[in-house]
Amino acid sequence: MERILLVLDDDALCNLLNESLGRAGYEVEVVHDGQEALERVFSGDYTATILDLMLPGSNGLEVLQQIRAKSHIPVLILTAQGEEIDRIVGLEVGADDCLPKPFNPRELTARLNAVLRRARRRADQDTNPFEYLKHADLLVDPAARTVRCADSFLHLTTAEYDLLQVLLKNAGRVVTREQLARDALGRSFSPTDRSIDLHISHLRHKLGQFPDGSERIKAIRGVGYMCAYPSRRIPA
């Protein structure tokens, strides 16, 4: 049974999620503050963490930053309704997914399942590495999960890396949001879910443009995104 660390200071919601996740086959342990959460996460005893950013006496984003500084454990964050900036910053810091409150416990379970599927797929890739992915001046090492653009290594979040990998494998072709959700994030696409667009926006900012000024990732209105080719050849 996979162990999930739930970092949340709401007894009623803790009980609800404990019951819901228990029915889904997870073992749940609950902590109520950030410091204890860090000690538990770094013990290595958990498969994933569900972290509420609204912790009393703690800054949930700082807790997330400290987790990401030392651990690649999958983290799903919970944010207050309407606090879009928290969702954006949380994804930038390295959360694997985010869910605004209030939410349906079944949706949380579905998102957790998707996050863990992605983590398992990454583990399989690490033990069965495949060839480098090269596109113009972009070089991706799947075994090390590193991305080099020109002469610089880029710091990408887990979701940004997975999305880039799917786009590179389909370079020159439009990839729908549905396909990106399925192949990169491991879940079904919802038209109301803007997380893919947020991840892609951050990814485009980090990659920048080609030296000729053209976009590396083009948005195809109403459909999805495409990994483009430069209009001029970039020397190898």
C-alpha atoms as a PDB file:
ATOM      1  CA  MET A   1       0.000   0.000   0.000  1.00  0.00           C
ATOM      2  CA  GLU A   2       1.402   3.401  -1.005  1.00  0.00           C
ATOM      3  CA  ARG A   3       1.763   5.937   1.800  1.00  0.00           C
ATOM      4  CA  ILE A   4       0.568   9.495   1.236  1.00  0.00           C
ATOM      5  CA  LEU A   5       1.556  12.395   3.488  1.00  0.00           C
ATOM      6  CA  LEU A   6      -1.331  14.840   3.899  1.00  0.00           C
ATOM      7  CA  VAL A   7      -0.233  18.278   5.146  1.00  0.00           C
ATOM      8  CA  LEU A   8      -3.451  20.014   6.114  1.00  0.00           C
ATOM      9  CA  ASP A   9      -4.846  21.890   9.125  1.00  0.00           C
ATOM     10  CA  ASP A  10      -8.541  21.134   8.742  1.00  0.00           C
ATOM     11  CA  ASP A  11      -9.761  18.151  10.761  1.00  0.00           C
ATOM     12  CA  ALA A  12     -13.025  17.727   8.862  1.00  0.00           C
ATOM     13  CA  LEU A  13     -11.290  17.781   5.478  1.00  0.00           C
ATOM     14  CA  CYS A  14      -8.522  15.516   6.792  1.00  0.00           C
ATOM     15  CA  ASN A  15     -11.099  12.932   7.842  1.00  0.00           C
ATOM     16  CA  LEU A  16     -12.889  13.172   4.492  1.00  0.00           C
ATOM     17  CA  LEU A  17      -9.702  12.751   2.478  1.00  0.00           C
ATOM     18  CA  ASN A  18      -8.406  10.004   4.753  1.00  0.00           C
ATOM     19  CA  GLU A  19     -11.574   8.038   4.076  1.00  0.00           C
ATOM     20  CA  SER A  20     -11.662   8.819   0.342  1.00  0.00           C
ATOM     21  CA  LEU A  21      -7.990   7.998  -0.284  1.00  0.00           C
ATOM     22  CA  GLY A  22      -8.256   4.924   1.929  1.00  0.00           C
ATOM     23  CA  ARG A  23     -11.019   3.565  -0.306  1.00  0.00           C
ATOM     24  CA  ALA A  24      -8.709   4.154  -3.278  1.00  0.00           C
ATOM     25  CA  GLY A  25      -6.076   1.935  -1.671  1.00  0.00           C
ATOM     26  CA  TYR A  26      -3.764   4.524  -0.120  1.00  0.00           C
ATOM     27  CA  GLU A  27      -2.442   4.683   3.415  1.00  0.00           C
ATOM     28  CA  VAL A  28      -2.702   8.278   4.642  1.00  0.00           C
ATOM     29  CA  GLU A  29      -0.765  10.005   7.399  1.00  0.00           C
ATOM     30  CA  VAL A  30      -1.644  13.553   8.449  1.00  0.00           C
ATOM     31  CA  VAL A  31       0.517  16.395   9.785  1.00  0.00           C
ATOM     32  CA  HIS A  32      -0.672  19.902  10.544  1.00  0.00           C
ATOM     33  CA  ASP A  33       2.420  22.107  10.212  1.00  0.00           C
ATOM     34  CA  GLY A  34       5.217  22.719   7.755  1.00  0.00           C
ATOM     35  CA  GLN A  35       8.185  21.781   9.915  1.00  0.00           C
ATOM     36  CA  GLU A  36       6.849  18.343  10.741  1.00  0.00           C
ATOM     37  CA  ALA A  37       5.917  17.916   7.078  1.00  0.00           C
ATOM     38  CA  LEU A  38       9.539  18.501   6.043  1.00  0.00           C
ATOM     39  CA  GLU A  39      10.827  15.974   8.573  1.00  0.00           C
ATOM     40  CA  ARG A  40       8.365  13.351   7.310  1.00  0.00           C
ATOM     41  CA  VAL A  41       9.023  14.038   3.615  1.00  0.00           C
ATOM     42  CA  PHE A  42      12.784  13.758   4.015  1.00  0.00           C
ATOM     43  CA  SER A  43      12.404  10.431   5.831  1.00  0.00           C
ATOM     44  CA  GLY A  44      11.726   8.838   2.450  1.00  0.00           C
ATOM     45  CA  ASP A  45       8.766   6.876   3.816  1.00  0.00           C
ATOM     46  CA  TYR A  46       6.115   8.370   1.533  1.00  0.00           C
ATOM     47  CA  THR A  47       5.122   7.954  -2.105  1.00  0.00           C
ATOM     48  CA  ALA A  48       3.610  11.435  -2.514  1.00  0.00           C
ATOM     49  CA  THR A  49       2.638  14.558  -0.565  1.00  0.00           C
ATOM     50  CA  ILE A  50      -0.595  16.537  -0.630  1.00  0.00           C
ATOM     51  CA  LEU A  51       0.274  20.016   0.671  1.00  0.00           C
ATOM     52  CA  ASP A  52      -2.179  22.755   1.599  1.00  0.00           C
ATOM     53  CA  LEU A  53      -0.516  26.111   0.974  1.00  0.00           C
ATOM     54  CA  MET A  54      -2.702  27.759   3.645  1.00  0.00           C
ATOM     55  CA  LEU A  55      -0.978  26.391   6.739  1.00  0.00           C
ATOM     56  CA  PRO A  56      -1.213  28.282  10.056  1.00  0.00           C
ATOM     57  CA  GLY A  57       2.100  29.817  11.043  1.00  0.00           C
ATOM     58  CA  SER A  58       3.775  28.533   7.884  1.00  0.00           C
ATOM     59  CA  ASN A  59       4.181  29.660   4.299  1.00  0.00           C
ATOM     60  CA  GLY A  60       3.156  26.685   2.203  1.00  0.00           C
ATOM     61  CA  LEU A  61       5.164  27.934  -0.768  1.00  0.00           C
ATOM     62  CA  GLU A  62       8.308  28.071   1.367  1.00  0.00           C
ATOM     63  CA  VAL A  63       7.623  24.513   2.541  1.00  0.00           C
ATOM     64  CA  LEU A  64       7.275  23.473  -1.102  1.00  0.00           C
ATOM     65  CA  GLN A  65      10.553  25.204  -1.977  1.00  0.00           C
ATOM     66  CA  GLN A  66      12.371  23.375   0.815  1.00  0.00           C
ATOM     67  CA  ILE A  67      10.913  20.059  -0.333  1.00  0.00           C
ATOM     68  CA  ARG A  68      12.036  20.683  -3.910  1.00  0.00           C
ATOM     69  CA  ALA A  69      15.537  21.674  -2.790  1.00  0.00           C
ATOM     70  CA  LYS A  70      16.145  18.135  -1.494  1.00  0.00           C
ATOM     71  CA  SER A  71      13.494  15.785  -2.852  1.00  0.00           C
ATOM     72  CA  HIS A  72      11.741  14.790  -6.082  1.00  0.00           C
ATOM     73  CA  ILE A  73       8.726  13.347  -4.233  1.00  0.00           C
ATOM     74  CA  PRO A  74       5.498  14.063  -6.151  1.00  0.00           C
ATOM     75  CA  VAL A  75       3.670  17.018  -4.575  1.00  0.00           C
ATOM     76  CA  LEU A  76       0.049  17.982  -5.187  1.00  0.00           C
ATOM     77  CA  ILE A  77      -0.800  21.383  -3.714  1.00  0.00           C
ATOM     78  CA  LEU A  78      -4.143  22.683  -2.468  1.00  0.00           C
ATOM     79  CA  THR A  79      -4.899  26.389  -2.825  1.00  0.00           C
ATOM     80  CA  ALA A  80      -7.705  28.707  -1.769  1.00  0.00           C
ATOM     81  CA  GLN A  81     -10.407  29.390  -4.330  1.00  0.00           C
ATOM     82  CA  GLY A  82      -9.570  32.447  -6.427  1.00  0.00           C
ATOM     83  CA  GLU A  83      -5.885  32.514  -5.410  1.00  0.00           C
ATOM     84  CA  GLU A  84      -4.585  31.996  -8.934  1.00  0.00           C
ATOM     85  CA  ILE A  85      -1.218  33.548  -8.074  1.00  0.00           C
ATOM     86  CA  ASP A  86      -0.616  30.757  -5.544  1.00  0.00           C
ATOM     87  CA  ARG A  87      -1.360  28.146  -8.183  1.00  0.00           C
ATOM     88  CA  ILE A  88       0.981  29.827 -10.670  1.00  0.00           C
ATOM     89  CA  VAL A  89       3.841  30.240  -8.182  1.00  0.00           C
ATOM     90  CA  GLY A  90       3.298  26.739  -6.820  1.00  0.00           C
ATOM     91  CA  LEU A  91       3.667  25.240 -10.286  1.00  0.00           C
ATOM     92  CA  GLU A  92       6.742  27.400 -10.932  1.00  0.00           C
ATOM     93  CA  VAL A  93       8.344  26.250  -7.683  1.00  0.00           C
ATOM     94  CA  GLY A  94       7.858  22.628  -8.684  1.00  0.00           C
ATOM     95  CA  ALA A  95       4.460  21.285  -7.661  1.00  0.00           C
ATOM     96  CA  ASP A  96       3.382  18.380  -9.844  1.00  0.00           C
ATOM     97  CA  ASP A  97      -0.240  19.502  -9.847  1.00  0.00           C
ATOM     98  CA  CYS A  98      -2.562  21.862  -8.014  1.00  0.00           C
ATOM     99  CA  LEU A  99      -6.209  21.826  -7.000  1.00  0.00           C
ATOM    100  CA  PRO A 100      -8.201  24.832  -5.733  1.00  0.00           C
ATOM    101  CA  LYS A 101     -10.520  24.397  -2.756  1.00  0.00           C
ATOM    102  CA  PRO A 102     -13.309  23.453  -2.477  1.00  0.00           C
ATOM    103  CA  PHE A 103     -12.949  20.299  -4.570  1.00  0.00           C
ATOM    104  CA  ASN A 104     -14.506  16.902  -5.049  1.00  0.00           C
ATOM    105  CA  PRO A 105     -12.460  14.211  -3.222  1.00  0.00           C
ATOM    106  CA  ARG A 106     -12.856  11.988  -6.298  1.00  0.00           C
ATOM    107  CA  GLU A 107     -11.080  14.635  -8.397  1.00  0.00           C
ATOM    108  CA  LEU A 108      -8.233  14.818  -5.887  1.00  0.00           C
ATOM    109  CA  THR A 109      -7.875  11.027  -6.018  1.00  0.00           C
ATOM    110  CA  ALA A 110      -7.873  11.108  -9.829  1.00  0.00           C
ATOM    111  CA  ARG A 111      -5.207  13.811  -9.909  1.00  0.00           C
ATOM    112  CA  LEU A 112      -3.092  11.958  -7.349  1.00  0.00           C
ATOM    113  CA  ASN A 113      -3.350   8.791  -9.438  1.00  0.00           C
ATOM    114  CA  ALA A 114      -2.189  10.747 -12.500  1.00  0.00           C
ATOM    115  CA  VAL A 115       0.745  12.311 -10.652  1.00  0.00           C
ATOM    116  CA  LEU A 116       1.889   8.884  -9.450  1.00  0.00           C
ATOM    117  CA  ARG A 117       1.551   7.360 -12.927  1.00  0.00           C
ATOM    118  CA  ARG A 118       3.878  10.055 -14.226  1.00  0.00           C
ATOM    119  CA  ALA A 119       6.336   9.381 -11.414  1.00  0.00           C
ATOM    120  CA  ARG A 120       6.353   5.656 -12.225  1.00  0.00           C
ATOM    121  CA  ARG A 121       6.890   6.385 -15.902  1.00  0.00           C
ATOM    122  CA  ARG A 122       9.857   8.621 -15.050  1.00  0.00           C
ATOM    123  CA  ALA A 123      11.311   5.867 -12.864  1.00  0.00           C
ATOM    124  CA  ASP A 124      10.993   3.409 -15.759  1.00  0.00           C
ATOM    125  CA  GLN A 125      12.778   5.848 -18.050  1.00  0.00           C
ATOM    126  CA  ASP A 126      15.577   6.271 -15.524  1.00  0.00           C
ATOM    127  CA  THR A 127      16.160   2.517 -15.408  1.00  0.00           C
ATOM    128  CA  ASN A 128      15.698   2.126 -19.171  1.00  0.00           C
ATOM    129  CA  PRO A 129      17.233   5.318 -20.623  1.00  0.00           C
ATOM    130  CA  PHE A 130      16.806   6.023 -24.307  1.00  0.00           C
ATOM    131  CA  GLU A 131      18.649   8.238 -26.746  1.00  0.00           C
ATOM    132  CA  TYR A 132      19.083  11.989 -26.486  1.00  0.00           C
ATOM    133  CA  LEU A 133      16.370  14.174 -27.969  1.00  0.00           C
ATOM    134  CA  LYS A 134      17.847  16.920 -30.158  1.00  0.00           C
ATOM    135  CA  HIS A 135      15.962  19.757 -31.784  1.00  0.00           C
ATOM    136  CA  ALA A 136      17.864  22.695 -33.280  1.00  0.00           C
ATOM    137  CA  ASP A 137      20.048  23.973 -30.377  1.00  0.00           C
ATOM    138  CA  LEU A 138      18.003  22.091 -27.756  1.00  0.00           C
ATOM    139  CA  LEU A 139      19.376  18.882 -26.254  1.00  0.00           C
ATOM    140  CA  VAL A 140      17.430  16.680 -23.830  1.00  0.00           C
ATOM    141  CA  ASP A 141      19.048  13.837 -21.894  1.00  0.00           C
ATOM    142  CA  PRO A 142      16.154  11.567 -20.808  1.00  0.00           C
ATOM    143  CA  ALA A 143      18.333   9.455 -18.505  1.00  0.00           C
ATOM    144  CA  ALA A 144      19.527  12.474 -16.497  1.00  0.00           C
ATOM    145  CA  ARG A 145      16.338  14.488 -17.197  1.00  0.00           C
ATOM    146  CA  THR A 146      18.410  17.522 -18.151  1.00  0.00           C
ATOM    147  CA  VAL A 147      17.688  20.124 -20.814  1.00  0.00           C
ATOM    148  CA  ARG A 148      20.371  22.230 -22.464  1.00  0.00           C
ATOM    149  CA  CYS A 149      19.475  25.157 -24.690  1.00  0.00           C
ATOM    150  CA  ALA A 150      22.472  26.503 -26.638  1.00  0.00           C
ATOM    151  CA  ASP A 151      25.166  26.487 -23.930  1.00  0.00           C
ATOM    152  CA  SER A 152      22.912  26.799 -20.885  1.00  0.00           C
ATOM    153  CA  PHE A 153      21.199  24.166 -18.773  1.00  0.00           C
ATOM    154  CA  LEU A 154      17.573  24.985 -17.978  1.00  0.00           C
ATOM    155  CA  HIS A 155      15.834  24.366 -14.667  1.00  0.00           C
ATOM    156  CA  LEU A 156      12.444  22.870 -15.541  1.00  0.00           C
ATOM    157  CA  THR A 157       9.740  21.587 -13.252  1.00  0.00           C
ATOM    158  CA  THR A 158       8.640  17.977 -13.626  1.00  0.00           C
ATOM    159  CA  ALA A 159       5.524  18.928 -15.574  1.00  0.00           C
ATOM    160  CA  GLU A 160       7.430  21.331 -17.843  1.00  0.00           C
ATOM    161  CA  TYR A 161       9.988  18.642 -18.654  1.00  0.00           C
ATOM    162  CA  ASP A 162       7.314  16.042 -19.423  1.00  0.00           C
ATOM    163  CA  LEU A 163       5.399  18.457 -21.652  1.00  0.00           C
ATOM    164  CA  LEU A 164       8.575  19.434 -23.512  1.00  0.00           C
ATOM    165  CA  GLN A 165       9.421  15.796 -24.106  1.00  0.00           C
ATOM    166  CA  VAL A 166       6.021  15.102 -25.674  1.00  0.00           C
ATOM    167  CA  LEU A 167       6.276  18.223 -27.863  1.00  0.00           C
ATOM    168  CA  LEU A 168       9.798  17.328 -29.028  1.00  0.00           C
ATOM    169  CA  LYS A 169       8.755  13.807 -29.983  1.00  0.00           C
ATOM    170  CA  ASN A 170       6.057  15.399 -32.166  1.00  0.00           C
ATOM    171  CA  ALA A 171       8.151  18.293 -33.506  1.00  0.00           C
ATOM    172  CA  GLY A 172       6.520  19.971 -36.478  1.00  0.00           C
ATOM    173  CA  ARG A 173       3.104  18.525 -35.631  1.00  0.00           C
ATOM    174  CA  VAL A 174       0.303  20.054 -33.591  1.00  0.00           C
ATOM    175  CA  VAL A 175      -0.212  18.331 -30.242  1.00  0.00           C
ATOM    176  CA  THR A 176      -3.681  18.812 -28.779  1.00  0.00           C
ATOM    177  CA  ARG A 177      -4.280  19.740 -25.151  1.00  0.00           C
ATOM    178  CA  GLU A 178      -6.024  16.381 -24.773  1.00  0.00           C
ATOM    179  CA  GLN A 179      -2.878  14.549 -25.917  1.00  0.00           C
ATOM    180  CA  LEU A 180      -0.623  16.678 -23.703  1.00  0.00           C
ATOM    181  CA  ALA A 181      -2.830  15.984 -20.689  1.00  0.00           C
ATOM    182  CA  ARG A 182      -2.814  12.259 -21.400  1.00  0.00           C
ATOM    183  CA  ASP A 183       0.799  11.710 -22.466  1.00  0.00           C
ATOM    184  CA  ALA A 184       2.612  14.290 -20.316  1.00  0.00           C
ATOM    185  CA  LEU A 185       0.426  14.733 -17.236  1.00  0.00           C
ATOM    186  CA  GLY A 186      -1.167  11.287 -17.188  1.00  0.00           C
ATOM    187  CA  ARG A 187      -4.752  12.433 -16.850  1.00  0.00           C
ATOM    188  CA  SER A 188      -7.855  13.255 -18.841  1.00  0.00           C
ATOM    189  CA  PHE A 189      -8.207  16.802 -20.144  1.00  0.00           C
ATOM    190  CA  SER A 190     -10.839  19.145 -18.764  1.00  0.00           C
ATOM    191  CA  PRO A 191     -11.699  22.324 -20.732  1.00  0.00           C
ATOM    192  CA  THR A 192     -11.775  24.262 -17.442  1.00  0.00           C
ATOM    193  CA  ASP A 193      -8.264  23.131 -16.448  1.00  0.00           C
ATOM    194  CA  ARG A 194      -5.749  25.864 -17.302  1.00  0.00           C
ATOM    195  CA  SER A 195      -2.722  24.107 -15.818  1.00  0.00           C
ATOM    196  CA  ILE A 196      -1.423  22.959 -19.218  1.00  0.00           C
ATOM    197  CA  ASP A 197      -1.495  26.522 -20.548  1.00  0.00           C
ATOM    198  CA  LEU A 198       0.278  27.753 -17.402  1.00  0.00           C
ATOM    199  CA  HIS A 199       2.979  25.082 -17.685  1.00  0.00           C
ATOM    200  CA  ILE A 200       3.478  25.819 -21.393  1.00  0.00           C
ATOM    201  CA  SER A 201       3.653  29.568 -20.721  1.00  0.00           C
ATOM    202  CA  HIS A 202       6.435  29.028 -18.167  1.00  0.00           C
ATOM    203  CA  LEU A 203       8.196  26.612 -20.509  1.00  0.00           C
ATOM    204  CA  ARG A 204       8.110  29.074 -23.413  1.00  0.00           C
ATOM    205  CA  HIS A 205       9.536  31.790 -21.154  1.00  0.00           C
ATOM    206  CA  LYS A 206      12.413  29.561 -20.016  1.00  0.00           C
ATOM    207  CA  LEU A 207      13.232  28.371 -23.543  1.00  0.00           C
ATOM    208  CA  GLY A 208      13.043  31.832 -25.071  1.00  0.00           C
ATOM    209  CA  GLN A 209      12.944  32.317 -28.830  1.00  0.00           C
ATOM    210  CA  PHE A 210      15.168  30.917 -31.542  1.00  0.00           C
ATOM    211  CA  PRO A 211      18.132  33.141 -32.447  1.00  0.00           C
ATOM    212  CA  ASP A 212      16.169  34.303 -35.509  1.00  0.00           C
ATOM    213  CA  GLY A 213      13.389  35.602 -33.236  1.00  0.00           C
ATOM    214  CA  SER A 214      10.805  32.936 -34.063  1.00  0.00           C
ATOM    215  CA  GLU A 215       8.888  31.028 -31.400  1.00  0.00           C
ATOM    216  CA  ARG A 216      10.131  27.608 -30.278  1.00  0.00           C
ATOM    217  CA  ILE A 217       6.672  26.521 -29.131  1.00  0.00           C
ATOM    218  CA  LYS A 218       3.748  27.878 -31.107  1.00  0.00           C
ATOM    219  CA  ALA A 219       0.224  28.108 -29.730  1.00  0.00           C
ATOM    220  CA  ILE A 220      -2.366  26.805 -32.176  1.00  0.00           C
ATOM    221  CA  ARG A 221      -5.555  28.626 -31.244  1.00  0.00           C
ATOM    222  CA  GLY A 222      -8.321  26.356 -30.016  1.00  0.00           C
ATOM    223  CA  VAL A 223      -6.279  23.192 -30.560  1.00  0.00           C
ATOM    224  CA  GLY A 224      -2.979  22.953 -28.704  1.00  0.00           C
ATOM    225  CA  TYR A 225       0.732  23.580 -29.234  1.00  0.00           C
ATOM    226  CA  MET A 226       3.506  22.724 -31.673  1.00  0.00           C
ATOM    227  CA  CYS A 227       7.273  22.449 -31.296  1.00  0.00           C
ATOM    228  CA  ALA A 228       8.397  24.567 -34.258  1.00  0.00           C
ATOM    229  CA  TYR A 229      11.551  24.636 -36.358  1.00  0.00           C
ATOM    230  CA  PRO A 230      13.664  27.800 -36.739  1.00  0.00           C
ATOM    231  CA  SER A 231      13.279  29.657 -40.021  1.00  0.00           C
ATOM    232  CA  ARG A 232      17.080  29.616 -40.344  1.00  0.00           C
ATOM    233  CA  ARG A 233      19.385  26.703 -39.666  1.00  0.00           C
ATOM    234  CA  ILE A 234      21.173  26.811 -36.289  1.00  0.00           C
ATOM    235  CA  PRO A 235      24.783  25.555 -36.419  1.00  0.00           C
ATOM    236  CA  ALA A 236      25.311  22.339 -34.461  1.00  0.00           C
END
